[in-house]
Amino acid sequence: MTLAILTNKGQVTIPKLVRESLLLKSGDKIEFVITKSREVFIRPVTMKVDDVFGRLHKKARRPVTVEEMDKGIRTKIRESFK
C-alpha cells in the first residue's frame, strides 16, 4: 500500500510509484472520481482533443450522413436487446 500525507493546505504529494504507474509528469492533469461508497479513484487526464484528432480518418472511407449514423446506432441498440 502506498500512503501520502495531507498538508494543512489540503495538498498531497502523489507518491513516485503512483506517478510512474500512471505515467504522470509535471503539468499533467488528474481527475478525482468519488464513488457512492466514498472511495476515490485518481485518473490521469493527459489526452487532448488535438492528440487524437484525425485518428479515425481513412482516405478510402466515404463520409456518412447523420441519418446513416443514427440508423447504425439504432441497429446496434436493437441487436444488444435481442
N, C-alpha and C. Protein backbone atom coordinates (compact mmCIF):
# COMPACT_ATOMS: atom_id res chain seq x y z
N MET A 1 0.85 -1.17 0.00
CA MET A 1 0.00 0.00 0.00
C MET A 1 0.90 1.23 0.00
N THR A 2 0.55 2.22 -0.81
CA THR A 2 1.30 3.46 -0.88
C THR A 2 0.50 4.54 -0.17
N LEU A 3 1.16 5.24 0.74
CA LEU A 3 0.49 6.28 1.53
C LEU A 3 1.02 7.66 1.19
N ALA A 4 0.21 8.67 1.46
CA ALA A 4 0.61 10.07 1.33
C ALA A 4 0.00 10.82 2.50
N ILE A 5 0.57 11.97 2.80
CA ILE A 5 0.10 12.78 3.94
C ILE A 5 -0.53 14.07 3.42
N LEU A 6 -1.68 14.39 3.95
CA LEU A 6 -2.39 15.62 3.60
C LEU A 6 -1.80 16.77 4.42
N THR A 7 -1.40 17.86 3.75
CA THR A 7 -0.84 19.01 4.46
C THR A 7 -1.97 19.87 5.01
N ASN A 8 -1.61 20.86 5.83
CA ASN A 8 -2.64 21.75 6.38
C ASN A 8 -3.25 22.64 5.30
N LYS A 9 -2.65 22.69 4.12
CA LYS A 9 -3.22 23.44 3.00
C LYS A 9 -4.08 22.55 2.10
N GLY A 10 -4.24 21.29 2.49
CA GLY A 10 -5.05 20.36 1.70
C GLY A 10 -4.31 19.78 0.51
N GLN A 11 -3.00 19.82 0.52
CA GLN A 11 -2.22 19.32 -0.59
C GLN A 11 -1.63 17.94 -0.27
N VAL A 12 -1.44 17.16 -1.34
CA VAL A 12 -0.87 15.83 -1.22
C VAL A 12 0.18 15.67 -2.31
N THR A 13 1.30 15.11 -1.97
CA THR A 13 2.29 14.74 -2.98
C THR A 13 1.97 13.33 -3.44
N ILE A 14 1.78 13.16 -4.74
CA ILE A 14 1.49 11.84 -5.26
C ILE A 14 2.78 11.04 -5.23
N PRO A 15 2.77 9.91 -4.55
CA PRO A 15 3.99 9.11 -4.43
C PRO A 15 4.57 8.73 -5.79
N LYS A 16 5.89 8.61 -5.84
CA LYS A 16 6.60 8.31 -7.09
C LYS A 16 6.08 7.04 -7.75
N LEU A 17 5.82 6.00 -6.98
CA LEU A 17 5.32 4.74 -7.53
C LEU A 17 4.00 4.96 -8.28
N VAL A 18 3.12 5.78 -7.70
CA VAL A 18 1.82 6.05 -8.33
C VAL A 18 2.02 6.89 -9.59
N ARG A 19 2.86 7.92 -9.51
CA ARG A 19 3.13 8.76 -10.68
C ARG A 19 3.69 7.93 -11.83
N GLU A 20 4.61 7.04 -11.51
CA GLU A 20 5.20 6.20 -12.55
C GLU A 20 4.18 5.23 -13.13
N SER A 21 3.34 4.66 -12.28
CA SER A 21 2.32 3.71 -12.75
C SER A 21 1.32 4.38 -13.69
N LEU A 22 0.98 5.63 -13.39
CA LEU A 22 0.01 6.36 -14.20
C LEU A 22 0.67 7.17 -15.32
N LEU A 23 1.99 7.06 -15.42
CA LEU A 23 2.77 7.79 -16.42
C LEU A 23 2.54 9.30 -16.32
N LEU A 24 2.46 9.80 -15.09
CA LEU A 24 2.24 11.22 -14.86
C LEU A 24 3.56 11.98 -14.86
N LYS A 25 3.49 13.19 -15.40
CA LYS A 25 4.65 14.07 -15.35
C LYS A 25 4.17 15.46 -14.93
N SER A 26 5.09 16.31 -14.60
CA SER A 26 4.76 17.65 -14.14
C SER A 26 3.87 18.36 -15.16
N GLY A 27 2.80 18.95 -14.68
CA GLY A 27 1.87 19.67 -15.56
C GLY A 27 0.68 18.85 -16.02
N ASP A 28 0.73 17.52 -15.85
CA ASP A 28 -0.41 16.69 -16.24
C ASP A 28 -1.59 16.96 -15.32
N LYS A 29 -2.77 16.76 -15.85
CA LYS A 29 -3.99 16.90 -15.05
C LYS A 29 -4.45 15.53 -14.59
N ILE A 30 -5.05 15.50 -13.40
CA ILE A 30 -5.64 14.27 -12.90
C ILE A 30 -7.07 14.55 -12.48
N GLU A 31 -7.88 13.53 -12.54
CA GLU A 31 -9.29 13.65 -12.17
C GLU A 31 -9.52 12.77 -10.95
N PHE A 32 -10.29 13.28 -10.00
CA PHE A 32 -10.67 12.51 -8.82
C PHE A 32 -12.10 12.05 -9.00
N VAL A 33 -12.32 10.75 -9.01
CA VAL A 33 -13.65 10.17 -9.17
C VAL A 33 -14.07 9.63 -7.81
N ILE A 34 -15.16 10.17 -7.27
CA ILE A 34 -15.65 9.76 -5.96
C ILE A 34 -16.84 8.82 -6.15
N THR A 35 -16.76 7.64 -5.54
CA THR A 35 -17.82 6.65 -5.65
C THR A 35 -18.87 6.87 -4.56
N LYS A 36 -19.98 6.16 -4.69
CA LYS A 36 -21.04 6.25 -3.67
C LYS A 36 -20.57 5.74 -2.32
N SER A 37 -19.60 4.84 -2.33
CA SER A 37 -19.09 4.30 -1.07
C SER A 37 -17.94 5.15 -0.51
N ARG A 38 -17.81 6.36 -1.02
CA ARG A 38 -16.83 7.34 -0.55
C ARG A 38 -15.38 6.91 -0.78
N GLU A 39 -15.17 6.13 -1.83
CA GLU A 39 -13.83 5.81 -2.28
C GLU A 39 -13.47 6.78 -3.39
N VAL A 40 -12.19 7.05 -3.56
CA VAL A 40 -11.75 7.98 -4.58
C VAL A 40 -10.77 7.28 -5.51
N PHE A 41 -10.99 7.44 -6.80
CA PHE A 41 -10.08 6.93 -7.80
C PHE A 41 -9.41 8.12 -8.47
N ILE A 42 -8.12 7.99 -8.72
CA ILE A 42 -7.39 9.03 -9.44
C ILE A 42 -7.19 8.55 -10.86
N ARG A 43 -7.58 9.40 -11.81
CA ARG A 43 -7.47 9.04 -13.22
C ARG A 43 -6.71 10.14 -13.95
N PRO A 44 -5.67 9.81 -14.71
CA PRO A 44 -4.96 10.84 -15.46
C PRO A 44 -5.81 11.39 -16.59
N VAL A 45 -5.73 12.66 -16.82
CA VAL A 45 -6.43 13.32 -17.93
C VAL A 45 -5.34 13.96 -18.77
N THR A 46 -4.64 13.14 -19.54
CA THR A 46 -3.49 13.64 -20.27
C THR A 46 -3.75 13.80 -21.76
N MET A 47 -4.82 13.20 -22.26
CA MET A 47 -5.10 13.30 -23.69
C MET A 47 -5.88 14.57 -23.98
N LYS A 48 -5.48 15.25 -25.03
CA LYS A 48 -6.19 16.44 -25.50
C LYS A 48 -6.84 16.08 -26.83
N VAL A 49 -7.84 16.84 -27.21
CA VAL A 49 -8.51 16.59 -28.48
C VAL A 49 -7.49 16.62 -29.62
N ASP A 50 -6.56 17.54 -29.56
CA ASP A 50 -5.55 17.63 -30.62
C ASP A 50 -4.70 16.37 -30.70
N ASP A 51 -4.55 15.66 -29.59
CA ASP A 51 -3.74 14.43 -29.58
C ASP A 51 -4.40 13.30 -30.36
N VAL A 52 -5.71 13.29 -30.44
CA VAL A 52 -6.42 12.19 -31.10
C VAL A 52 -7.13 12.61 -32.39
N PHE A 53 -7.06 13.89 -32.72
CA PHE A 53 -7.75 14.38 -33.91
C PHE A 53 -7.26 13.64 -35.16
N GLY A 54 -8.20 13.15 -35.94
CA GLY A 54 -7.87 12.51 -37.21
C GLY A 54 -7.51 11.04 -37.14
N ARG A 55 -7.51 10.45 -35.96
CA ARG A 55 -7.11 9.04 -35.85
C ARG A 55 -8.06 8.09 -36.55
N LEU A 56 -9.32 8.46 -36.63
CA LEU A 56 -10.29 7.57 -37.26
C LEU A 56 -10.40 7.80 -38.77
N HIS A 57 -9.75 8.84 -39.26
CA HIS A 57 -9.84 9.18 -40.68
C HIS A 57 -9.08 8.16 -41.53
N LYS A 58 -9.75 7.68 -42.56
CA LYS A 58 -9.12 6.82 -43.54
C LYS A 58 -9.49 7.37 -44.91
N LYS A 59 -8.49 7.58 -45.75
CA LYS A 59 -8.73 8.22 -47.05
C LYS A 59 -9.73 7.44 -47.90
N ALA A 60 -9.73 6.13 -47.81
CA ALA A 60 -10.60 5.31 -48.65
C ALA A 60 -12.04 5.26 -48.13
N ARG A 61 -12.27 5.71 -46.91
CA ARG A 61 -13.61 5.63 -46.32
C ARG A 61 -14.46 6.80 -46.82
N ARG A 62 -15.68 6.49 -47.25
CA ARG A 62 -16.56 7.57 -47.70
C ARG A 62 -17.25 8.20 -46.51
N PRO A 63 -17.54 9.49 -46.57
CA PRO A 63 -18.25 10.14 -45.47
C PRO A 63 -19.68 9.60 -45.36
N VAL A 64 -20.20 9.56 -44.15
CA VAL A 64 -21.59 9.13 -43.96
C VAL A 64 -22.41 10.29 -43.43
N THR A 65 -23.68 10.24 -43.68
CA THR A 65 -24.58 11.31 -43.22
C THR A 65 -24.96 11.06 -41.76
N VAL A 66 -25.52 12.08 -41.15
CA VAL A 66 -26.01 11.95 -39.77
C VAL A 66 -27.11 10.90 -39.72
N GLU A 67 -27.94 10.87 -40.75
CA GLU A 67 -29.02 9.89 -40.80
C GLU A 67 -28.47 8.46 -40.84
N GLU A 68 -27.39 8.25 -41.61
CA GLU A 68 -26.78 6.92 -41.66
C GLU A 68 -26.17 6.54 -40.31
N MET A 69 -25.57 7.51 -39.64
CA MET A 69 -25.03 7.25 -38.31
C MET A 69 -26.14 6.87 -37.35
N ASP A 70 -27.24 7.64 -37.37
CA ASP A 70 -28.38 7.34 -36.48
C ASP A 70 -28.94 5.95 -36.75
N LYS A 71 -29.04 5.59 -38.03
CA LYS A 71 -29.55 4.27 -38.38
C LYS A 71 -28.62 3.17 -37.83
N GLY A 72 -27.32 3.35 -37.96
CA GLY A 72 -26.36 2.39 -37.45
C GLY A 72 -26.45 2.25 -35.94
N ILE A 73 -26.63 3.37 -35.25
CA ILE A 73 -26.76 3.35 -33.78
C ILE A 73 -28.02 2.60 -33.38
N ARG A 74 -29.14 2.91 -34.06
CA ARG A 74 -30.40 2.22 -33.75
C ARG A 74 -30.26 0.71 -33.96
N THR A 75 -29.61 0.32 -35.04
CA THR A 75 -29.41 -1.10 -35.34
C THR A 75 -28.62 -1.78 -34.23
N LYS A 76 -27.52 -1.17 -33.79
CA LYS A 76 -26.69 -1.76 -32.73
C LYS A 76 -27.47 -1.84 -31.41
N ILE A 77 -28.26 -0.83 -31.11
CA ILE A 77 -29.06 -0.86 -29.88
C ILE A 77 -30.07 -1.99 -29.94
N ARG A 78 -30.73 -2.14 -31.06
CA ARG A 78 -31.71 -3.24 -31.20
C ARG A 78 -31.03 -4.60 -31.05
N GLU A 79 -29.84 -4.73 -31.65
CA GLU A 79 -29.11 -6.01 -31.56
C GLU A 79 -28.72 -6.33 -30.11
N SER A 80 -28.43 -5.30 -29.33
CA SER A 80 -27.99 -5.54 -27.95
C SER A 80 -29.15 -5.99 -27.05
N PHE A 81 -30.39 -5.76 -27.48
CA PHE A 81 -31.55 -6.16 -26.67
C PHE A 81 -32.13 -7.50 -27.11
N LYS A 82 -31.54 -8.12 -28.11
CA LYS A 82 -32.06 -9.41 -28.59
C LYS A 82 -31.55 -10.54 -27.73
